[in-house]
């Protein structure tokens, strides 16, 4: 593995947009967006999203320290009734860089961050056309709870979406506060 995952900041938006375009072109069945209309291809929106909390996008970069080789995002539920859950989305590693531990490292960063927020459940979905990704998620402890038949249509092909969840034990000292801002306090949890 080249480098450890790091959290993307607003100034990384342009690099992420290039990676996002590669995601959508390389594996169109795996993502809801299209290269023609995906909101994550708008640099201004991406920069704003990278400034949001509690949400984080992690990436790994290549040797030249400019090109992103992979990314994974995690966001906590915004509504008070869903603040105990977070969702992982947009997981991708460049096909030429796979089997180097990058996906595991990205997912571990996202899981650790969700845990530091005091989240109890971490959810994700994976296309049935992506069995390697599913195996990675299962190795990390995610369990299947449902299947959405023909959830994604790409051209004449249809793909089921597999829904998975991971029950987390919160970091010691992490707690969810109620109130309009729903801040998470963590005395000993690493900040994302």
N, C-alpha and C. Protein backbone atom coordinates (compact mmCIF):
# COMPACT_ATOMS: atom_id res chain seq x y z
N UNK A 1 0.84 -1.17 0.00
CA UNK A 1 0.00 0.00 0.00
C UNK A 1 0.89 1.23 0.00
N UNK A 2 0.51 2.26 -0.75
CA UNK A 2 1.32 3.46 -0.87
C UNK A 2 1.27 4.32 0.37
N UNK A 3 0.14 4.91 0.64
CA UNK A 3 0.03 5.79 1.80
C UNK A 3 -1.23 5.47 2.57
N UNK A 4 -1.26 6.00 3.78
CA UNK A 4 -2.43 5.80 4.62
C UNK A 4 -3.57 6.66 4.11
N UNK A 5 -4.81 6.22 4.33
CA UNK A 5 -5.96 7.05 3.95
C UNK A 5 -5.93 8.37 4.71
N UNK A 6 -6.36 9.42 4.04
CA UNK A 6 -6.45 10.73 4.66
C UNK A 6 -7.80 11.33 4.30
N UNK A 7 -8.25 12.24 5.15
CA UNK A 7 -9.56 12.87 4.94
C UNK A 7 -9.42 13.98 3.91
N UNK A 8 -10.32 13.96 2.93
CA UNK A 8 -10.31 14.99 1.91
C UNK A 8 -10.90 16.28 2.46
N UNK A 9 -10.30 17.38 2.08
CA UNK A 9 -10.73 18.71 2.51
C UNK A 9 -11.24 19.46 1.28
N UNK A 10 -11.91 20.61 1.46
CA UNK A 10 -12.45 21.35 0.31
C UNK A 10 -11.42 21.58 -0.81
N UNK A 11 -10.18 21.81 -0.46
CA UNK A 11 -9.16 22.06 -1.49
C UNK A 11 -8.83 20.80 -2.31
N UNK A 12 -9.32 19.63 -1.91
CA UNK A 12 -9.11 18.39 -2.65
C UNK A 12 -10.23 18.10 -3.65
N UNK A 13 -11.18 19.00 -3.77
CA UNK A 13 -12.37 18.74 -4.60
C UNK A 13 -12.02 18.40 -6.03
N UNK A 14 -11.10 19.12 -6.64
CA UNK A 14 -10.77 18.88 -8.05
C UNK A 14 -10.21 17.47 -8.25
N UNK A 15 -9.33 17.03 -7.35
CA UNK A 15 -8.78 15.67 -7.46
C UNK A 15 -9.87 14.63 -7.29
N UNK A 16 -10.80 14.86 -6.35
CA UNK A 16 -11.88 13.91 -6.14
C UNK A 16 -12.78 13.84 -7.37
N UNK A 17 -13.07 14.98 -7.99
CA UNK A 17 -13.94 14.99 -9.17
C UNK A 17 -13.33 14.13 -10.28
N UNK A 18 -12.01 14.19 -10.45
CA UNK A 18 -11.36 13.33 -11.45
C UNK A 18 -11.54 11.86 -11.11
N UNK A 19 -11.38 11.51 -9.82
CA UNK A 19 -11.57 10.12 -9.40
C UNK A 19 -13.02 9.70 -9.57
N UNK A 20 -13.95 10.58 -9.21
CA UNK A 20 -15.38 10.25 -9.33
C UNK A 20 -15.74 9.96 -10.78
N UNK A 21 -15.23 10.76 -11.71
CA UNK A 21 -15.50 10.50 -13.13
C UNK A 21 -14.97 9.12 -13.51
N UNK A 22 -13.79 8.77 -13.04
CA UNK A 22 -13.22 7.44 -13.32
C UNK A 22 -14.10 6.34 -12.73
N UNK A 23 -14.66 6.56 -11.53
CA UNK A 23 -15.56 5.59 -10.91
C UNK A 23 -16.75 5.31 -11.81
N UNK A 24 -17.39 6.40 -12.23
CA UNK A 24 -18.63 6.29 -13.00
C UNK A 24 -18.40 5.68 -14.38
N UNK A 25 -17.23 5.93 -14.95
CA UNK A 25 -16.92 5.37 -16.27
C UNK A 25 -16.44 3.93 -16.17
N UNK A 26 -15.69 3.61 -15.13
CA UNK A 26 -15.11 2.28 -14.96
C UNK A 26 -16.16 1.25 -14.55
N UNK A 27 -17.05 1.61 -13.61
CA UNK A 27 -18.01 0.66 -13.06
C UNK A 27 -19.38 1.32 -12.92
N UNK A 28 -20.02 1.63 -14.04
CA UNK A 28 -21.28 2.36 -14.00
C UNK A 28 -22.40 1.64 -13.25
N UNK A 29 -22.35 0.33 -13.16
CA UNK A 29 -23.39 -0.42 -12.46
C UNK A 29 -23.30 -0.25 -10.94
N UNK A 30 -22.16 0.20 -10.45
CA UNK A 30 -21.92 0.24 -9.01
C UNK A 30 -22.35 1.55 -8.34
N UNK A 31 -22.69 2.56 -9.13
CA UNK A 31 -22.99 3.87 -8.58
C UNK A 31 -24.31 4.40 -9.14
N UNK A 32 -25.01 5.18 -8.33
CA UNK A 32 -26.29 5.73 -8.76
C UNK A 32 -26.12 6.84 -9.80
N UNK A 33 -25.01 7.55 -9.75
CA UNK A 33 -24.79 8.67 -10.66
C UNK A 33 -24.35 8.25 -12.04
N UNK A 34 -24.44 9.20 -12.96
CA UNK A 34 -23.98 9.05 -14.34
C UNK A 34 -22.98 10.17 -14.63
N UNK A 35 -22.04 9.94 -15.56
CA UNK A 35 -21.08 11.01 -15.88
C UNK A 35 -21.74 12.30 -16.38
N UNK A 36 -22.95 12.20 -16.90
CA UNK A 36 -23.63 13.39 -17.45
C UNK A 36 -24.30 14.24 -16.38
N UNK A 37 -24.68 13.66 -15.23
CA UNK A 37 -25.49 14.42 -14.29
C UNK A 37 -25.16 14.21 -12.81
N UNK A 38 -24.07 13.57 -12.50
CA UNK A 38 -23.75 13.28 -11.11
C UNK A 38 -23.34 14.55 -10.37
N UNK A 39 -24.00 14.80 -9.22
CA UNK A 39 -23.70 16.00 -8.43
C UNK A 39 -22.26 15.98 -7.90
N UNK A 40 -21.68 14.81 -7.73
CA UNK A 40 -20.32 14.70 -7.21
C UNK A 40 -19.27 15.01 -8.29
N UNK A 41 -19.70 15.47 -9.46
CA UNK A 41 -18.77 15.95 -10.48
C UNK A 41 -18.71 17.47 -10.50
N UNK A 42 -19.47 18.11 -9.63
CA UNK A 42 -19.48 19.56 -9.50
C UNK A 42 -18.51 19.94 -8.38
N UNK A 43 -17.38 20.54 -8.76
CA UNK A 43 -16.31 20.84 -7.82
C UNK A 43 -16.79 21.70 -6.65
N UNK A 44 -17.66 22.67 -6.90
CA UNK A 44 -18.16 23.54 -5.84
C UNK A 44 -18.99 22.76 -4.83
N UNK A 45 -19.87 21.89 -5.32
CA UNK A 45 -20.68 21.06 -4.41
C UNK A 45 -19.82 20.10 -3.62
N UNK A 46 -18.82 19.52 -4.27
CA UNK A 46 -17.93 18.58 -3.60
C UNK A 46 -17.17 19.29 -2.49
N UNK A 47 -16.63 20.47 -2.78
CA UNK A 47 -15.89 21.23 -1.77
C UNK A 47 -16.79 21.54 -0.57
N UNK A 48 -18.03 21.92 -0.82
CA UNK A 48 -18.97 22.20 0.27
C UNK A 48 -19.24 20.94 1.08
N UNK A 49 -19.40 19.81 0.40
CA UNK A 49 -19.66 18.56 1.10
C UNK A 49 -18.47 18.15 1.96
N UNK A 50 -17.25 18.39 1.49
CA UNK A 50 -16.07 18.04 2.27
C UNK A 50 -15.95 18.89 3.53
N UNK A 51 -16.63 20.02 3.58
CA UNK A 51 -16.61 20.88 4.76
C UNK A 51 -17.71 20.50 5.76
N UNK A 52 -18.65 19.65 5.37
CA UNK A 52 -19.78 19.28 6.23
C UNK A 52 -19.35 18.34 7.35
N UNK A 53 -20.11 18.38 8.44
CA UNK A 53 -19.95 17.42 9.52
C UNK A 53 -21.34 16.98 9.94
N UNK A 54 -21.54 15.83 10.48
CA UNK A 54 -20.58 14.74 10.51
C UNK A 54 -20.62 13.92 9.22
N UNK A 55 -19.66 14.16 8.41
CA UNK A 55 -19.46 13.42 7.17
C UNK A 55 -17.96 13.48 6.86
N UNK A 56 -17.47 12.49 6.14
CA UNK A 56 -16.06 12.48 5.79
C UNK A 56 -15.86 11.63 4.55
N UNK A 57 -14.95 12.06 3.70
CA UNK A 57 -14.52 11.25 2.56
C UNK A 57 -13.03 11.02 2.73
N UNK A 58 -12.64 9.76 2.67
CA UNK A 58 -11.23 9.38 2.80
C UNK A 58 -10.71 8.96 1.44
N UNK A 59 -9.42 9.18 1.24
CA UNK A 59 -8.80 8.82 -0.03
C UNK A 59 -7.40 8.27 0.22
N UNK A 60 -6.89 7.58 -0.79
CA UNK A 60 -5.49 7.19 -0.84
C UNK A 60 -4.97 7.72 -2.16
N UNK A 61 -3.71 8.11 -2.15
CA UNK A 61 -3.15 8.69 -3.37
C UNK A 61 -1.94 7.88 -3.83
N UNK A 62 -1.62 8.07 -5.11
CA UNK A 62 -0.50 7.38 -5.71
C UNK A 62 0.84 7.97 -5.33
N UNK A 63 1.88 7.41 -5.90
CA UNK A 63 3.24 7.84 -5.58
C UNK A 63 3.48 9.30 -5.92
N UNK A 64 2.82 9.81 -6.96
CA UNK A 64 3.08 11.20 -7.38
C UNK A 64 2.36 12.22 -6.51
N UNK A 65 1.67 11.78 -5.47
CA UNK A 65 1.00 12.65 -4.50
C UNK A 65 0.04 13.66 -5.12
N UNK A 66 -0.60 13.29 -6.19
CA UNK A 66 -1.61 14.15 -6.78
C UNK A 66 -2.81 13.36 -7.24
N UNK A 67 -2.54 12.19 -7.73
CA UNK A 67 -3.58 11.32 -8.26
C UNK A 67 -4.18 10.49 -7.13
N UNK A 68 -5.51 10.50 -7.04
CA UNK A 68 -6.19 9.67 -6.04
C UNK A 68 -6.43 8.30 -6.63
N UNK A 69 -6.11 7.27 -5.86
CA UNK A 69 -6.30 5.90 -6.30
C UNK A 69 -7.58 5.29 -5.78
N UNK A 70 -8.17 5.86 -4.75
CA UNK A 70 -9.39 5.31 -4.20
C UNK A 70 -10.00 6.24 -3.18
N UNK A 71 -11.28 5.98 -2.87
CA UNK A 71 -11.99 6.81 -1.90
C UNK A 71 -13.13 6.02 -1.28
N UNK A 72 -13.57 6.49 -0.12
CA UNK A 72 -14.75 5.97 0.57
C UNK A 72 -15.31 7.11 1.41
N UNK A 73 -16.63 7.24 1.40
CA UNK A 73 -17.29 8.30 2.16
C UNK A 73 -18.18 7.70 3.23
N UNK A 74 -18.35 8.46 4.31
CA UNK A 74 -19.24 8.06 5.39
C UNK A 74 -19.97 9.31 5.87
N UNK A 75 -21.26 9.16 6.14
CA UNK A 75 -22.06 10.28 6.64
C UNK A 75 -23.03 9.76 7.69
N UNK A 76 -23.16 10.51 8.74
CA UNK A 76 -24.06 10.16 9.83
C UNK A 76 -25.46 10.65 9.51
N UNK A 77 -26.47 9.93 9.98
CA UNK A 77 -27.85 10.35 9.79
C UNK A 77 -28.07 11.74 10.37
N UNK A 78 -28.75 12.60 9.63
CA UNK A 78 -28.95 13.99 10.06
C UNK A 78 -30.15 14.15 10.99
N UNK A 79 -31.19 13.39 10.75
CA UNK A 79 -32.39 13.51 11.59
C UNK A 79 -32.14 12.85 12.93
N UNK A 80 -32.68 13.43 14.02
CA UNK A 80 -32.43 12.86 15.35
C UNK A 80 -32.76 11.38 15.47
N UNK A 81 -33.80 10.92 14.80
CA UNK A 81 -34.19 9.51 14.91
C UNK A 81 -33.21 8.58 14.19
N UNK A 82 -32.31 9.14 13.37
CA UNK A 82 -31.35 8.32 12.63
C UNK A 82 -29.91 8.66 12.98
N UNK A 83 -29.70 9.46 14.02
CA UNK A 83 -28.35 9.87 14.41
C UNK A 83 -27.50 8.72 14.93
N UNK A 84 -28.13 7.59 15.25
CA UNK A 84 -27.37 6.42 15.72
C UNK A 84 -26.85 5.58 14.57
N UNK A 85 -27.11 6.01 13.33
CA UNK A 85 -26.69 5.25 12.14
C UNK A 85 -25.85 6.14 11.24
N UNK A 86 -24.98 5.52 10.48
CA UNK A 86 -24.21 6.21 9.44
C UNK A 86 -24.23 5.33 8.20
N UNK A 87 -23.91 5.93 7.08
CA UNK A 87 -23.93 5.22 5.80
C UNK A 87 -22.60 5.40 5.09
N UNK A 88 -22.07 4.32 4.58
CA UNK A 88 -20.87 4.36 3.75
C UNK A 88 -21.32 4.33 2.30
N UNK A 89 -20.70 5.15 1.47
CA UNK A 89 -21.07 5.21 0.06
C UNK A 89 -19.85 5.61 -0.77
N UNK A 90 -19.94 5.39 -2.07
CA UNK A 90 -18.89 5.83 -2.99
C UNK A 90 -17.55 5.15 -2.80
N UNK A 91 -17.56 3.89 -2.41
CA UNK A 91 -16.30 3.17 -2.20
C UNK A 91 -15.77 2.73 -3.57
N UNK A 92 -14.50 3.05 -3.80
CA UNK A 92 -13.90 2.72 -5.10
C UNK A 92 -12.38 2.70 -4.95
N UNK A 93 -11.76 1.73 -5.63
CA UNK A 93 -10.32 1.69 -5.80
C UNK A 93 -10.06 1.48 -7.28
N UNK A 94 -9.16 2.27 -7.84
CA UNK A 94 -8.80 2.14 -9.25
C UNK A 94 -8.47 0.68 -9.55
N UNK A 95 -9.06 0.11 -10.61
CA UNK A 95 -8.83 -1.32 -10.90
C UNK A 95 -7.36 -1.71 -10.98
N UNK A 96 -6.49 -0.81 -11.46
CA UNK A 96 -5.07 -1.13 -11.57
C UNK A 96 -4.37 -1.16 -10.21
N UNK A 97 -5.03 -0.66 -9.17
CA UNK A 97 -4.42 -0.59 -7.84
C UNK A 97 -5.05 -1.56 -6.83
N UNK A 98 -5.93 -2.41 -7.30
CA UNK A 98 -6.62 -3.34 -6.39
C UNK A 98 -5.69 -4.45 -5.92
N UNK A 99 -6.11 -5.13 -4.88
CA UNK A 99 -5.37 -6.24 -4.26
C UNK A 99 -4.08 -5.76 -3.59
N UNK A 100 -4.13 -4.51 -3.10
CA UNK A 100 -2.98 -3.93 -2.38
C UNK A 100 -3.38 -3.51 -0.97
N UNK A 101 -4.63 -3.81 -0.56
CA UNK A 101 -5.08 -3.44 0.77
C UNK A 101 -5.70 -2.05 0.85
N UNK A 102 -5.85 -1.37 -0.28
CA UNK A 102 -6.37 0.01 -0.26
C UNK A 102 -7.84 0.06 0.15
N UNK A 103 -8.66 -0.86 -0.38
CA UNK A 103 -10.07 -0.89 -0.01
C UNK A 103 -10.25 -1.16 1.47
N UNK A 104 -9.49 -2.08 2.01
CA UNK A 104 -9.55 -2.38 3.44
C UNK A 104 -9.15 -1.15 4.26
N UNK A 105 -8.10 -0.46 3.85
CA UNK A 105 -7.64 0.72 4.58
C UNK A 105 -8.68 1.83 4.54
N UNK A 106 -9.28 2.06 3.38
CA UNK A 106 -10.31 3.09 3.25
C UNK A 106 -11.52 2.76 4.11
N UNK A 107 -11.97 1.53 4.03
CA UNK A 107 -13.13 1.12 4.83
C UNK A 107 -12.82 1.21 6.33
N UNK A 108 -11.63 0.83 6.74
CA UNK A 108 -11.26 0.90 8.15
C UNK A 108 -11.28 2.35 8.64
N UNK A 109 -10.81 3.29 7.81
CA UNK A 109 -10.85 4.71 8.19
C UNK A 109 -12.29 5.17 8.36
N UNK A 110 -13.17 4.77 7.45
CA UNK A 110 -14.58 5.16 7.53
C UNK A 110 -15.25 4.55 8.76
N UNK A 111 -14.97 3.28 9.02
CA UNK A 111 -15.55 2.60 10.19
C UNK A 111 -15.07 3.25 11.48
N UNK A 112 -13.78 3.50 11.58
CA UNK A 112 -13.24 4.13 12.79
C UNK A 112 -13.84 5.51 13.02
N UNK A 113 -14.05 6.26 11.96
CA UNK A 113 -14.65 7.58 12.08
C UNK A 113 -16.08 7.48 12.57
N UNK A 114 -16.86 6.59 11.98
CA UNK A 114 -18.25 6.41 12.43
C UNK A 114 -18.29 5.99 13.89
N UNK A 115 -17.40 5.12 14.27
CA UNK A 115 -17.33 4.68 15.67
C UNK A 115 -17.02 5.88 16.59
N UNK A 116 -16.11 6.75 16.17
CA UNK A 116 -15.76 7.91 17.00
C UNK A 116 -16.92 8.88 17.15
N UNK A 117 -17.88 8.85 16.21
CA UNK A 117 -19.07 9.70 16.30
C UNK A 117 -20.10 9.12 17.26
N UNK A 118 -19.89 7.92 17.76
CA UNK A 118 -20.86 7.29 18.64
C UNK A 118 -21.96 6.57 17.88
N UNK A 119 -21.74 6.33 16.60
CA UNK A 119 -22.72 5.64 15.76
C UNK A 119 -22.80 4.17 16.18
N UNK A 120 -24.01 3.61 16.16
CA UNK A 120 -24.20 2.22 16.54
C UNK A 120 -24.29 1.27 15.35
N UNK A 121 -24.76 1.77 14.22
CA UNK A 121 -24.90 0.94 13.02
C UNK A 121 -24.31 1.66 11.83
N UNK A 122 -23.64 0.90 11.00
CA UNK A 122 -23.05 1.43 9.77
C UNK A 122 -23.64 0.64 8.62
N UNK A 123 -24.26 1.34 7.67
CA UNK A 123 -24.97 0.70 6.56
C UNK A 123 -24.26 0.97 5.24
N UNK A 124 -24.45 0.07 4.29
CA UNK A 124 -23.97 0.27 2.94
C UNK A 124 -24.76 -0.63 2.00
N UNK A 125 -24.62 -0.34 0.72
CA UNK A 125 -25.22 -1.18 -0.33
C UNK A 125 -24.13 -1.50 -1.34
N UNK A 126 -24.23 -2.68 -1.94
CA UNK A 126 -23.24 -3.09 -2.92
C UNK A 126 -23.97 -3.84 -4.04
N UNK A 127 -23.55 -3.58 -5.27
CA UNK A 127 -24.14 -4.25 -6.42
C UNK A 127 -23.81 -5.74 -6.40
N UNK A 128 -24.76 -6.55 -6.82
CA UNK A 128 -24.47 -7.99 -6.90
C UNK A 128 -23.43 -8.28 -7.98
N UNK A 129 -23.13 -7.29 -8.82
CA UNK A 129 -22.09 -7.45 -9.83
C UNK A 129 -20.69 -7.15 -9.25
N UNK A 130 -20.62 -6.81 -7.97
CA UNK A 130 -19.34 -6.48 -7.32
C UNK A 130 -19.03 -7.47 -6.20
N UNK A 131 -18.82 -8.76 -6.52
CA UNK A 131 -18.62 -9.75 -5.47
C UNK A 131 -17.35 -9.54 -4.65
N UNK A 132 -16.29 -8.99 -5.24
CA UNK A 132 -15.07 -8.75 -4.47
C UNK A 132 -15.31 -7.70 -3.39
N UNK A 133 -16.06 -6.65 -3.72
CA UNK A 133 -16.39 -5.63 -2.73
C UNK A 133 -17.22 -6.25 -1.62
N UNK A 134 -18.19 -7.06 -1.99
CA UNK A 134 -19.03 -7.70 -0.97
C UNK A 134 -18.20 -8.56 -0.03
N UNK A 135 -17.25 -9.31 -0.59
CA UNK A 135 -16.40 -10.15 0.26
C UNK A 135 -15.57 -9.30 1.22
N UNK A 136 -15.07 -8.15 0.76
CA UNK A 136 -14.34 -7.23 1.64
C UNK A 136 -15.23 -6.79 2.79
N UNK A 137 -16.44 -6.36 2.48
CA UNK A 137 -17.37 -5.89 3.52
C UNK A 137 -17.68 -7.01 4.52
N UNK A 138 -17.86 -8.22 4.02
CA UNK A 138 -18.13 -9.34 4.92
C UNK A 138 -16.93 -9.62 5.82
N UNK A 139 -15.71 -9.54 5.28
CA UNK A 139 -14.51 -9.74 6.11
C UNK A 139 -14.42 -8.68 7.21
N UNK A 140 -14.95 -7.49 6.96
CA UNK A 140 -14.93 -6.41 7.94
C UNK A 140 -16.08 -6.52 8.94
N UNK A 141 -16.95 -7.51 8.77
CA UNK A 141 -18.02 -7.76 9.72
C UNK A 141 -19.41 -7.33 9.29
N UNK A 142 -19.56 -6.77 8.10
CA UNK A 142 -20.89 -6.40 7.60
C UNK A 142 -21.69 -7.66 7.30
N UNK A 143 -22.98 -7.59 7.56
CA UNK A 143 -23.89 -8.71 7.32
C UNK A 143 -25.01 -8.26 6.40
N UNK A 144 -25.40 -9.16 5.51
CA UNK A 144 -26.50 -8.88 4.58
C UNK A 144 -27.82 -8.87 5.34
N UNK A 145 -28.66 -7.88 5.09
CA UNK A 145 -29.99 -7.86 5.69
C UNK A 145 -31.09 -7.81 4.62
N UNK A 146 -30.70 -7.60 3.37
CA UNK A 146 -31.73 -7.59 2.33
C UNK A 146 -31.15 -7.45 0.93
N UNK A 147 -32.02 -7.73 -0.02
CA UNK A 147 -31.65 -7.63 -1.44
C UNK A 147 -32.76 -6.88 -2.16
N UNK A 148 -32.37 -5.88 -2.93
CA UNK A 148 -33.33 -5.11 -3.71
C UNK A 148 -33.21 -5.56 -5.17
N UNK A 149 -34.20 -6.30 -5.67
CA UNK A 149 -34.12 -6.85 -7.02
C UNK A 149 -34.09 -5.74 -8.08
N UNK A 150 -33.19 -5.91 -9.05
CA UNK A 150 -33.09 -5.01 -10.20
C UNK A 150 -33.09 -3.54 -9.79
N UNK A 151 -32.33 -3.22 -8.75
CA UNK A 151 -32.29 -1.85 -8.22
C UNK A 151 -31.63 -0.87 -9.18
N UNK A 152 -30.64 -1.34 -9.92
CA UNK A 152 -29.89 -0.47 -10.82
C UNK A 152 -30.06 -0.96 -12.25
N UNK A 153 -30.33 -0.02 -13.14
CA UNK A 153 -30.42 -0.35 -14.57
C UNK A 153 -29.29 0.39 -15.29
N UNK A 154 -28.51 -0.35 -16.05
CA UNK A 154 -27.46 0.25 -16.87
C UNK A 154 -27.60 -0.34 -18.26
N UNK A 155 -28.06 0.50 -19.18
CA UNK A 155 -28.37 -0.01 -20.51
C UNK A 155 -29.49 -1.02 -20.39
N UNK A 156 -29.31 -2.18 -21.00
CA UNK A 156 -30.35 -3.22 -20.93
C UNK A 156 -30.15 -4.16 -19.74
N UNK A 157 -29.08 -3.96 -18.97
CA UNK A 157 -28.79 -4.82 -17.83
C UNK A 157 -29.42 -4.26 -16.55
N UNK A 158 -29.82 -5.17 -15.66
CA UNK A 158 -30.35 -4.82 -14.34
C UNK A 158 -29.55 -5.56 -13.29
N UNK A 159 -29.29 -4.88 -12.16
CA UNK A 159 -28.48 -5.48 -11.11
C UNK A 159 -29.17 -5.33 -9.76
N UNK A 160 -29.14 -6.40 -8.98
CA UNK A 160 -29.67 -6.35 -7.62
C UNK A 160 -28.70 -5.56 -6.74
N UNK A 161 -29.25 -4.93 -5.73
CA UNK A 161 -28.45 -4.21 -4.74
C UNK A 161 -28.54 -5.00 -3.44
N UNK A 162 -27.40 -5.30 -2.84
CA UNK A 162 -27.31 -6.04 -1.59
C UNK A 162 -27.15 -5.02 -0.46
N UNK A 163 -28.04 -5.05 0.53
CA UNK A 163 -27.98 -4.12 1.66
C UNK A 163 -27.30 -4.82 2.83
N UNK A 164 -26.34 -4.11 3.44
CA UNK A 164 -25.54 -4.70 4.52
C UNK A 164 -25.46 -3.72 5.69
N UNK A 165 -25.21 -4.25 6.88
CA UNK A 165 -25.04 -3.41 8.07
C UNK A 165 -23.96 -4.00 8.97
N UNK A 166 -23.37 -3.12 9.76
CA UNK A 166 -22.36 -3.51 10.73
C UNK A 166 -22.74 -2.88 12.06
N UNK A 167 -22.88 -3.70 13.09
CA UNK A 167 -23.17 -3.21 14.44
C UNK A 167 -21.85 -2.80 15.06
N UNK A 168 -21.76 -1.54 15.49
CA UNK A 168 -20.53 -1.00 16.07
C UNK A 168 -20.64 -0.87 17.57
N UNK A 169 -19.55 -1.07 18.21
CA UNK A 169 -19.43 -0.71 19.62
C UNK A 169 -18.80 0.67 19.61
N UNK A 170 -19.45 1.67 20.21
CA UNK A 170 -18.89 3.03 20.19
C UNK A 170 -17.55 3.09 20.91
N UNK A 171 -16.74 4.07 20.50
CA UNK A 171 -15.49 4.33 21.20
C UNK A 171 -15.80 4.67 22.65
N UNK A 172 -14.94 4.25 23.54
CA UNK A 172 -15.13 4.59 24.95
C UNK A 172 -15.16 6.11 25.08
N UNK A 173 -16.19 6.63 25.71
CA UNK A 173 -16.30 8.06 25.91
C UNK A 173 -17.12 8.77 24.85
N UNK A 174 -17.47 8.10 23.75
CA UNK A 174 -18.28 8.74 22.71
C UNK A 174 -19.73 8.70 23.12
N UNK A 175 -20.43 9.79 22.88
CA UNK A 175 -21.86 9.81 23.17
C UNK A 175 -22.55 10.78 22.21
N UNK A 176 -23.79 10.50 21.94
CA UNK A 176 -24.59 11.34 21.07
C UNK A 176 -25.36 12.31 21.94
N UNK A 177 -25.23 13.60 21.66
CA UNK A 177 -26.00 14.60 22.39
C UNK A 177 -27.26 14.90 21.60
N UNK A 178 -28.34 15.16 22.32
CA UNK A 178 -29.57 15.55 21.64
C UNK A 178 -29.57 17.05 21.46
N UNK A 179 -30.49 17.54 20.69
CA UNK A 179 -30.59 18.97 20.46
C UNK A 179 -30.45 19.27 19.00
N UNK A 180 -30.64 20.54 18.63
CA UNK A 180 -30.67 20.88 17.22
C UNK A 180 -29.37 20.59 16.49
N UNK A 181 -28.22 20.68 17.15
CA UNK A 181 -26.96 20.44 16.45
C UNK A 181 -26.50 19.00 16.58
N UNK A 182 -27.03 18.22 17.52
CA UNK A 182 -26.70 16.82 17.71
C UNK A 182 -25.19 16.57 17.62
N UNK A 183 -24.44 17.27 18.41
CA UNK A 183 -22.98 17.09 18.40
C UNK A 183 -22.61 15.77 19.02
N UNK A 184 -21.48 15.25 18.59
CA UNK A 184 -20.93 14.04 19.19
C UNK A 184 -19.71 14.46 19.99
N UNK A 185 -19.66 14.01 21.21
CA UNK A 185 -18.51 14.27 22.06
C UNK A 185 -17.75 12.95 22.21
N UNK A 186 -16.45 13.02 22.13
CA UNK A 186 -15.63 11.82 22.34
C UNK A 186 -14.37 12.23 23.06
N UNK A 187 -14.21 11.78 24.32
CA UNK A 187 -13.03 12.17 25.07
C UNK A 187 -11.77 11.51 24.54
N UNK A 188 -11.86 10.25 24.15
CA UNK A 188 -10.65 9.54 23.76
C UNK A 188 -10.71 8.99 22.34
N UNK A 189 -11.69 9.41 21.58
CA UNK A 189 -11.81 8.90 20.21
C UNK A 189 -10.97 9.77 19.29
N UNK A 190 -10.32 9.15 18.36
CA UNK A 190 -9.53 9.91 17.39
C UNK A 190 -10.47 10.72 16.51
N UNK A 191 -10.11 11.95 16.29
CA UNK A 191 -10.98 12.77 15.43
C UNK A 191 -10.68 12.44 13.98
N UNK A 192 -11.71 12.60 13.18
CA UNK A 192 -11.58 12.21 11.77
C UNK A 192 -10.84 13.26 10.97
